Amino acid sequence: MAGQPAASKAPSSYELMGVRIQKIINSTQAQKAKSALLFKLEQESSADWEQMLEEIGENDNVTLALRDDGGVQLFWVVPKED
């Protein structure tokens, strides 16, 4: 019917993980420190987690440090504009 929104599909597990990680990175504390500590949740797929880390690591000015406790410390540098 005209005027009705299309039925939206449920977000994938990867998309849900992305939203969760984005909230952590965009938090005020993380933005001030230019650093965030990430952990894979038990219910999250290891394949999704590895893909997410790989994609984050492809960004310029981003460093990922694997920790002994299973966490991943994410650091970033905001380049100065000319």
PDB file of N, CA and C in Angstrom:
ATOM      1  N   MET A   1       0.831  -1.194   0.000  1.00  0.00           N
ATOM      2  CA  MET A   1       0.000   0.000   0.000  1.00  0.00           C
ATOM      3  C   MET A   1       0.868   1.247   0.000  1.00  0.00           C
ATOM      4  N   ALA A   2       0.377   2.245  -0.657  1.00  0.00           N
ATOM      5  CA  ALA A   2       1.101   3.512  -0.700  1.00  0.00           C
ATOM      6  C   ALA A   2       1.103   4.145   0.686  1.00  0.00           C
ATOM      7  N   GLY A   3       2.225   4.744   1.031  1.00  0.00           N
ATOM      8  CA  GLY A   3       2.294   5.466   2.305  1.00  0.00           C
ATOM      9  C   GLY A   3       2.766   4.620   3.467  1.00  0.00           C
ATOM     10  N   GLN A   4       2.807   3.307   3.306  1.00  0.00           N
ATOM     11  CA  GLN A   4       3.276   2.461   4.395  1.00  0.00           C
ATOM     12  C   GLN A   4       4.775   2.213   4.228  1.00  0.00           C
ATOM     13  N   PRO A   5       5.528   2.299   5.316  1.00  0.00           N
ATOM     14  CA  PRO A   5       6.968   2.043   5.201  1.00  0.00           C
ATOM     15  C   PRO A   5       7.215   0.583   4.869  1.00  0.00           C
ATOM     16  N   ALA A   6       8.284   0.344   4.140  1.00  0.00           N
ATOM     17  CA  ALA A   6       8.667  -1.029   3.816  1.00  0.00           C
ATOM     18  C   ALA A   6       9.074  -1.735   5.105  1.00  0.00           C
ATOM     19  N   ALA A   7       8.776  -3.017   5.167  1.00  0.00           N
ATOM     20  CA  ALA A   7       9.155  -3.791   6.349  1.00  0.00           C
ATOM     21  C   ALA A   7      10.677  -3.835   6.424  1.00  0.00           C
ATOM     22  N   SER A   8      11.223  -3.486   7.578  1.00  0.00           N
ATOM     23  CA  SER A   8      12.678  -3.505   7.715  1.00  0.00           C
ATOM     24  C   SER A   8      13.086  -4.837   8.314  1.00  0.00           C
ATOM     25  N   LYS A   9      14.198  -5.360   7.816  1.00  0.00           N
ATOM     26  CA  LYS A   9      14.685  -6.632   8.345  1.00  0.00           C
ATOM     27  C   LYS A   9      15.468  -6.372   9.620  1.00  0.00           C
ATOM     28  N   ALA A  10      15.543  -7.364  10.439  1.00  0.00           N
ATOM     29  CA  ALA A  10      16.279  -7.248  11.691  1.00  0.00           C
ATOM     30  C   ALA A  10      17.762  -7.079  11.381  1.00  0.00           C
ATOM     31  N   PRO A  11      18.477  -6.265  12.167  1.00  0.00           N
ATOM     32  CA  PRO A  11      19.914  -6.087  11.924  1.00  0.00           C
ATOM     33  C   PRO A  11      20.664  -7.397  12.144  1.00  0.00           C
ATOM     34  N   SER A  12      21.728  -7.579  11.379  1.00  0.00           N
ATOM     35  CA  SER A  12      22.557  -8.787  11.529  1.00  0.00           C
ATOM     36  C   SER A  12      23.365  -8.697  12.826  1.00  0.00           C
ATOM     37  N   SER A  13      23.933  -9.823  13.224  1.00  0.00           N
ATOM     38  CA  SER A  13      24.766  -9.830  14.431  1.00  0.00           C
ATOM     39  C   SER A  13      25.965  -8.907  14.246  1.00  0.00           C
ATOM     40  N   TYR A  14      26.490  -8.837  13.019  1.00  0.00           N
ATOM     41  CA  TYR A  14      27.625  -7.959  12.728  1.00  0.00           C
ATOM     42  C   TYR A  14      27.212  -6.495  12.883  1.00  0.00           C
ATOM     43  N   GLU A  15      26.023  -6.151  12.376  1.00  0.00           N
ATOM     44  CA  GLU A  15      25.541  -4.771  12.493  1.00  0.00           C
ATOM     45  C   GLU A  15      25.308  -4.391  13.951  1.00  0.00           C
ATOM     46  N   LEU A  16      24.786  -5.318  14.734  1.00  0.00           N
ATOM     47  CA  LEU A  16      24.564  -5.046  16.162  1.00  0.00           C
ATOM     48  C   LEU A  16      25.889  -4.825  16.882  1.00  0.00           C
ATOM     49  N   MET A  17      26.898  -5.627  16.540  1.00  0.00           N
ATOM     50  CA  MET A  17      28.223  -5.444  17.128  1.00  0.00           C
ATOM     51  C   MET A  17      28.776  -4.078  16.732  1.00  0.00           C
ATOM     52  N   GLY A  18      28.602  -3.711  15.480  1.00  0.00           N
ATOM     53  CA  GLY A  18      29.080  -2.416  15.002  1.00  0.00           C
ATOM     54  C   GLY A  18      28.467  -1.260  15.756  1.00  0.00           C
ATOM     55  N   VAL A  19      27.175  -1.334  16.011  1.00  0.00           N
ATOM     56  CA  VAL A  19      26.490  -0.278  16.759  1.00  0.00           C
ATOM     57  C   VAL A  19      27.041  -0.206  18.183  1.00  0.00           C
ATOM     58  N   ARG A  20      27.256  -1.370  18.800  1.00  0.00           N
ATOM     59  CA  ARG A  20      27.784  -1.407  20.179  1.00  0.00           C
ATOM     60  C   ARG A  20      29.176  -0.790  20.234  1.00  0.00           C
ATOM     61  N   ILE A  21      30.040  -1.160  19.302  1.00  0.00           N
ATOM     62  CA  ILE A  21      31.409  -0.643  19.294  1.00  0.00           C
ATOM     63  C   ILE A  21      31.423   0.846  18.965  1.00  0.00           C
ATOM     64  N   GLN A  22      30.555   1.259  18.060  1.00  0.00           N
ATOM     65  CA  GLN A  22      30.471   2.679  17.703  1.00  0.00           C
ATOM     66  C   GLN A  22      30.092   3.521  18.928  1.00  0.00           C
ATOM     67  N   LYS A  23      29.180   3.020  19.753  1.00  0.00           N
ATOM     68  CA  LYS A  23      28.786   3.749  20.971  1.00  0.00           C
ATOM     69  C   LYS A  23      29.973   3.891  21.920  1.00  0.00           C
ATOM     70  N   ILE A  24      30.768   2.837  22.037  1.00  0.00           N
ATOM     71  CA  ILE A  24      31.947   2.883  22.922  1.00  0.00           C
ATOM     72  C   ILE A  24      32.941   3.919  22.404  1.00  0.00           C
ATOM     73  N   ILE A  25      33.231   3.860  21.108  1.00  0.00           N
ATOM     74  CA  ILE A  25      34.210   4.774  20.512  1.00  0.00           C
ATOM     75  C   ILE A  25      33.730   6.225  20.567  1.00  0.00           C
ATOM     76  N   ASN A  26      32.438   6.441  20.402  1.00  0.00           N
ATOM     77  CA  ASN A  26      31.890   7.802  20.380  1.00  0.00           C
ATOM     78  C   ASN A  26      31.585   8.360  21.764  1.00  0.00           C
ATOM     79  N   SER A  27      31.823   7.570  22.815  1.00  0.00           N
ATOM     80  CA  SER A  27      31.556   8.072  24.166  1.00  0.00           C
ATOM     81  C   SER A  27      32.463   9.267  24.463  1.00  0.00           C
ATOM     82  N   THR A  28      32.020  10.136  25.317  1.00  0.00           N
ATOM     83  CA  THR A  28      32.785  11.327  25.681  1.00  0.00           C
ATOM     84  C   THR A  28      34.155  10.949  26.225  1.00  0.00           C
ATOM     85  N   GLN A  29      34.198   9.949  27.089  1.00  0.00           N
ATOM     86  CA  GLN A  29      35.464   9.522  27.700  1.00  0.00           C
ATOM     87  C   GLN A  29      36.443   9.033  26.634  1.00  0.00           C
ATOM     88  N   ALA A  30      35.966   8.208  25.707  1.00  0.00           N
ATOM     89  CA  ALA A  30      36.853   7.680  24.662  1.00  0.00           C
ATOM     90  C   ALA A  30      37.323   8.801  23.743  1.00  0.00           C
ATOM     91  N   GLN A  31      36.446   9.723  23.422  1.00  0.00           N
ATOM     92  CA  GLN A  31      36.823  10.818  22.532  1.00  0.00           C
ATOM     93  C   GLN A  31      37.884  11.710  23.175  1.00  0.00           C
ATOM     94  N   LYS A  32      37.765  11.952  24.472  1.00  0.00           N
ATOM     95  CA  LYS A  32      38.778  12.758  25.165  1.00  0.00           C
ATOM     96  C   LYS A  32      40.127  12.059  25.174  1.00  0.00           C
ATOM     97  N   ALA A  33      40.107  10.747  25.427  1.00  0.00           N
ATOM     98  CA  ALA A  33      41.341   9.979  25.540  1.00  0.00           C
ATOM     99  C   ALA A  33      41.877   9.539  24.180  1.00  0.00           C
ATOM    100  N   LYS A  34      41.027   9.636  23.146  1.00  0.00           N
ATOM    101  CA  LYS A  34      41.365   9.111  21.812  1.00  0.00           C
ATOM    102  C   LYS A  34      41.797   7.651  21.935  1.00  0.00           C
ATOM    103  N   SER A  35      41.028   6.935  22.760  1.00  0.00           N
ATOM    104  CA  SER A  35      41.316   5.546  23.063  1.00  0.00           C
ATOM    105  C   SER A  35      40.042   4.870  23.562  1.00  0.00           C
ATOM    106  N   ALA A  36      39.898   3.592  23.224  1.00  0.00           N
ATOM    107  CA  ALA A  36      38.753   2.825  23.713  1.00  0.00           C
ATOM    108  C   ALA A  36      39.201   1.385  23.935  1.00  0.00           C
ATOM    109  N   LEU A  37      38.612   0.762  24.932  1.00  0.00           N
ATOM    110  CA  LEU A  37      38.894  -0.638  25.236  1.00  0.00           C
ATOM    111  C   LEU A  37      37.696  -1.461  24.782  1.00  0.00           C
ATOM    112  N   LEU A  38      37.953  -2.408  23.902  1.00  0.00           N
ATOM    113  CA  LEU A  38      36.886  -3.217  23.323  1.00  0.00           C
ATOM    114  C   LEU A  38      37.035  -4.669  23.744  1.00  0.00           C
ATOM    115  N   PHE A  39      35.915  -5.310  24.008  1.00  0.00           N
ATOM    116  CA  PHE A  39      35.874  -6.732  24.310  1.00  0.00           C
ATOM    117  C   PHE A  39      34.787  -7.382  23.475  1.00  0.00           C
ATOM    118  N   LYS A  40      35.041  -8.593  23.016  1.00  0.00           N
ATOM    119  CA  LYS A  40      34.022  -9.369  22.320  1.00  0.00           C
ATOM    120  C   LYS A  40      33.080  -9.922  23.381  1.00  0.00           C
ATOM    121  N   LEU A  41      31.777  -9.769  23.154  1.00  0.00           N
ATOM    122  CA  LEU A  41      30.804 -10.346  24.065  1.00  0.00           C
ATOM    123  C   LEU A  41      30.649 -11.833  23.765  1.00  0.00           C
ATOM    124  N   GLU A  42      30.287 -12.594  24.778  1.00  0.00           N
ATOM    125  CA  GLU A  42      30.200 -14.045  24.653  1.00  0.00           C
ATOM    126  C   GLU A  42      29.277 -14.473  23.509  1.00  0.00           C
ATOM    127  N   GLN A  43      28.174 -13.761  23.331  1.00  0.00           N
ATOM    128  CA  GLN A  43      27.198 -14.147  22.312  1.00  0.00           C
ATOM    129  C   GLN A  43      27.576 -13.690  20.898  1.00  0.00           C
ATOM    130  N   GLU A  44      28.644 -12.938  20.771  1.00  0.00           N
ATOM    131  CA  GLU A  44      29.052 -12.434  19.456  1.00  0.00           C
ATOM    132  C   GLU A  44      29.936 -13.451  18.741  1.00  0.00           C
ATOM    133  N   SER A  45      29.769 -13.518  17.450  1.00  0.00           N
ATOM    134  CA  SER A  45      30.516 -14.458  16.612  1.00  0.00           C
ATOM    135  C   SER A  45      31.993 -14.073  16.545  1.00  0.00           C
ATOM    136  N   SER A  46      32.859 -15.064  16.648  1.00  0.00           N
ATOM    137  CA  SER A  46      34.295 -14.813  16.520  1.00  0.00           C
ATOM    138  C   SER A  46      34.633 -14.306  15.124  1.00  0.00           C
ATOM    139  N   ALA A  47      33.934 -14.817  14.109  1.00  0.00           N
ATOM    140  CA  ALA A  47      34.169 -14.359  12.731  1.00  0.00           C
ATOM    141  C   ALA A  47      33.788 -12.888  12.586  1.00  0.00           C
ATOM    142  N   ASP A  48      32.649 -12.501  13.179  1.00  0.00           N
ATOM    143  CA  ASP A  48      32.230 -11.088  13.141  1.00  0.00           C
ATOM    144  C   ASP A  48      33.255 -10.219  13.851  1.00  0.00           C
ATOM    145  N   TRP A  49      33.743 -10.687  14.996  1.00  0.00           N
ATOM    146  CA  TRP A  49      34.718  -9.935  15.798  1.00  0.00           C
ATOM    147  C   TRP A  49      36.008  -9.718  15.001  1.00  0.00           C
ATOM    148  N   GLU A  50      36.514 -10.783  14.397  1.00  0.00           N
ATOM    149  CA  GLU A  50      37.742 -10.676  13.609  1.00  0.00           C
ATOM    150  C   GLU A  50      37.553  -9.731  12.422  1.00  0.00           C
ATOM    151  N   GLN A  51      36.399  -9.815  11.770  1.00  0.00           N
ATOM    152  CA  GLN A  51      36.119  -8.927  10.642  1.00  0.00           C
ATOM    153  C   GLN A  51      36.066  -7.469  11.102  1.00  0.00           C
ATOM    154  N   MET A  52      35.427  -7.236  12.239  1.00  0.00           N
ATOM    155  CA  MET A  52      35.310  -5.874  12.772  1.00  0.00           C
ATOM    156  C   MET A  52      36.695  -5.311  13.076  1.00  0.00           C
ATOM    157  N   LEU A  53      37.527  -6.080  13.747  1.00  0.00           N
ATOM    158  CA  LEU A  53      38.873  -5.610  14.089  1.00  0.00           C
ATOM    159  C   LEU A  53      39.693  -5.338  12.830  1.00  0.00           C
ATOM    160  N   GLU A  54      39.553  -6.207  11.843  1.00  0.00           N
ATOM    161  CA  GLU A  54      40.282  -6.019  10.592  1.00  0.00           C
ATOM    162  C   GLU A  54      39.857  -4.709   9.915  1.00  0.00           C
ATOM    163  N   GLU A  55      38.566  -4.458   9.890  1.00  0.00           N
ATOM    164  CA  GLU A  55      38.070  -3.238   9.252  1.00  0.00           C
ATOM    165  C   GLU A  55      38.478  -1.985  10.026  1.00  0.00           C
ATOM    166  N   ILE A  56      38.439  -2.054  11.340  1.00  0.00           N
ATOM    167  CA  ILE A  56      38.872  -0.911  12.147  1.00  0.00           C
ATOM    168  C   ILE A  56      40.362  -0.656  11.907  1.00  0.00           C
ATOM    169  N   GLY A  57      41.153  -1.723  11.883  1.00  0.00           N
ATOM    170  CA  GLY A  57      42.596  -1.611  11.711  1.00  0.00           C
ATOM    171  C   GLY A  57      43.019  -1.065  10.354  1.00  0.00           C
ATOM    172  N   GLU A  58      42.141  -1.133   9.357  1.00  0.00           N
ATOM    173  CA  GLU A  58      42.460  -0.627   8.026  1.00  0.00           C
ATOM    174  C   GLU A  58      42.442   0.904   7.964  1.00  0.00           C
ATOM    175  N   ASN A  59      41.875   1.539   8.974  1.00  0.00           N
ATOM    176  CA  ASN A  59      41.789   2.993   8.986  1.00  0.00           C
ATOM    177  C   ASN A  59      43.143   3.617   9.287  1.00  0.00           C
ATOM    178  N   ASP A  60      43.448   4.698   8.568  1.00  0.00           N
ATOM    179  CA  ASP A  60      44.674   5.445   8.845  1.00  0.00           C
ATOM    180  C   ASP A  60      44.558   6.058  10.233  1.00  0.00           C
ATOM    181  N   ASN A  61      45.666   6.237  10.887  1.00  0.00           N
ATOM    182  CA  ASN A  61      45.740   6.896  12.190  1.00  0.00           C
ATOM    183  C   ASN A  61      45.072   6.101  13.314  1.00  0.00           C
ATOM    184  N   VAL A  62      44.889   4.795  13.100  1.00  0.00           N
ATOM    185  CA  VAL A  62      44.284   3.929  14.123  1.00  0.00           C
ATOM    186  C   VAL A  62      45.268   2.809  14.447  1.00  0.00           C
ATOM    187  N   THR A  63      45.402   2.530  15.743  1.00  0.00           N
ATOM    188  CA  THR A  63      46.266   1.439  16.210  1.00  0.00           C
ATOM    189  C   THR A  63      45.444   0.510  17.092  1.00  0.00           C
ATOM    190  N   LEU A  64      45.583  -0.778  16.860  1.00  0.00           N
ATOM    191  CA  LEU A  64      44.935  -1.788  17.696  1.00  0.00           C
ATOM    192  C   LEU A  64      46.009  -2.519  18.485  1.00  0.00           C
ATOM    193  N   ALA A  65      45.807  -2.667  19.777  1.00  0.00           N
ATOM    194  CA  ALA A  65      46.743  -3.407  20.624  1.00  0.00           C
ATOM    195  C   ALA A  65      45.970  -4.528  21.316  1.00  0.00           C
ATOM    196  N   LEU A  66      46.362  -5.775  21.023  1.00  0.00           N
ATOM    197  CA  LEU A  66      45.722  -6.923  21.660  1.00  0.00           C
ATOM    198  C   LEU A  66      46.242  -7.058  23.080  1.00  0.00           C
ATOM    199  N   ARG A  67      45.317  -7.272  23.998  1.00  0.00           N
ATOM    200  CA  ARG A  67      45.686  -7.381  25.414  1.00  0.00           C
ATOM    201  C   ARG A  67      45.634  -8.827  25.874  1.00  0.00           C
ATOM    202  N   ASP A  68      46.352  -9.131  26.947  1.00  0.00           N
ATOM    203  CA  ASP A  68      46.387 -10.488  27.492  1.00  0.00           C
ATOM    204  C   ASP A  68      45.021 -10.946  28.010  1.00  0.00           C
ATOM    205  N   ASP A  69      44.174  -9.995  28.394  1.00  0.00           N
ATOM    206  CA  ASP A  69      42.858 -10.349  28.941  1.00  0.00           C
ATOM    207  C   ASP A  69      41.797 -10.539  27.847  1.00  0.00           C
ATOM    208  N   GLY A  70      42.222 -10.538  26.589  1.00  0.00           N
ATOM    209  CA  GLY A  70      41.282 -10.743  25.491  1.00  0.00           C
ATOM    210  C   GLY A  70      40.712  -9.458  24.923  1.00  0.00           C
ATOM    211  N   GLY A  71      40.969  -8.364  25.579  1.00  0.00           N
ATOM    212  CA  GLY A  71      40.482  -7.079  25.099  1.00  0.00           C
ATOM    213  C   GLY A  71      41.355  -6.532  23.989  1.00  0.00           C
ATOM    214  N   VAL A  72      40.843  -5.519  23.342  1.00  0.00           N
ATOM    215  CA  VAL A  72      41.586  -4.827  22.296  1.00  0.00           C
ATOM    216  C   VAL A  72      41.564  -3.340  22.632  1.00  0.00           C
ATOM    217  N   GLN A  73      42.734  -2.773  22.808  1.00  0.00           N
ATOM    218  CA  GLN A  73      42.847  -1.332  23.057  1.00  0.00           C
ATOM    219  C   GLN A  73      42.953  -0.641  21.709  1.00  0.00           C
ATOM    220  N   LEU A  74      42.090   0.292  21.486  1.00  0.00           N
ATOM    221  CA  LEU A  74      42.036   1.035  20.233  1.00  0.00           C
ATOM    222  C   LEU A  74      42.517   2.450  20.503  1.00  0.00           C
ATOM    223  N   PHE A  75      43.482   2.905  19.726  1.00  0.00           N
ATOM    224  CA  PHE A  75      44.009   4.266  19.836  1.00  0.00           C
ATOM    225  C   PHE A  75      43.858   4.939  18.486  1.00  0.00           C
ATOM    226  N   TRP A  76      43.605   6.235  18.492  1.00  0.00           N
ATOM    227  CA  TRP A  76      43.565   6.951  17.226  1.00  0.00           C
ATOM    228  C   TRP A  76      44.123   8.347  17.380  1.00  0.00           C
ATOM    229  N   VAL A  77      44.569   8.870  16.261  1.00  0.00           N
ATOM    230  CA  VAL A  77      45.127  10.210  16.196  1.00  0.00           C
ATOM    231  C   VAL A  77      44.267  10.999  15.215  1.00  0.00           C
ATOM    232  N   VAL A  78      43.881  12.187  15.606  1.00  0.00           N
ATOM    233  CA  VAL A  78      43.123  13.050  14.698  1.00  0.00           C
ATOM    234  C   VAL A  78      44.152  13.932  13.973  1.00  0.00           C
ATOM    235  N   PRO A  79      44.270  13.741  12.660  1.00  0.00           N
ATOM    236  CA  PRO A  79      45.273  14.531  11.926  1.00  0.00           C
ATOM    237  C   PRO A  79      44.938  16.023  11.938  1.00  0.00           C
ATOM    238  N   LYS A  80      45.967  16.825  12.017  1.00  0.00           N
ATOM    239  CA  LYS A  80      45.776  18.279  11.981  1.00  0.00           C
ATOM    240  C   LYS A  80      45.485  18.705  10.573  1.00  0.00           C
ATOM    241  N   GLU A  81      44.534  19.597  10.428  1.00  0.00           N
ATOM    242  CA  GLU A  81      44.217  20.107   9.103  1.00  0.00           C
ATOM    243  C   GLU A  81      45.175  21.222   8.742  1.00  0.00           C
ATOM    244  N   ASP A  82      45.548  21.292   7.476  1.00  0.00           N
ATOM    245  CA  ASP A  82      46.466  22.327   7.013  1.00  0.00           C
ATOM    246  C   ASP A  82      45.785  23.682   6.954  1.00  0.00           C
TER     247      ASP A  82
END
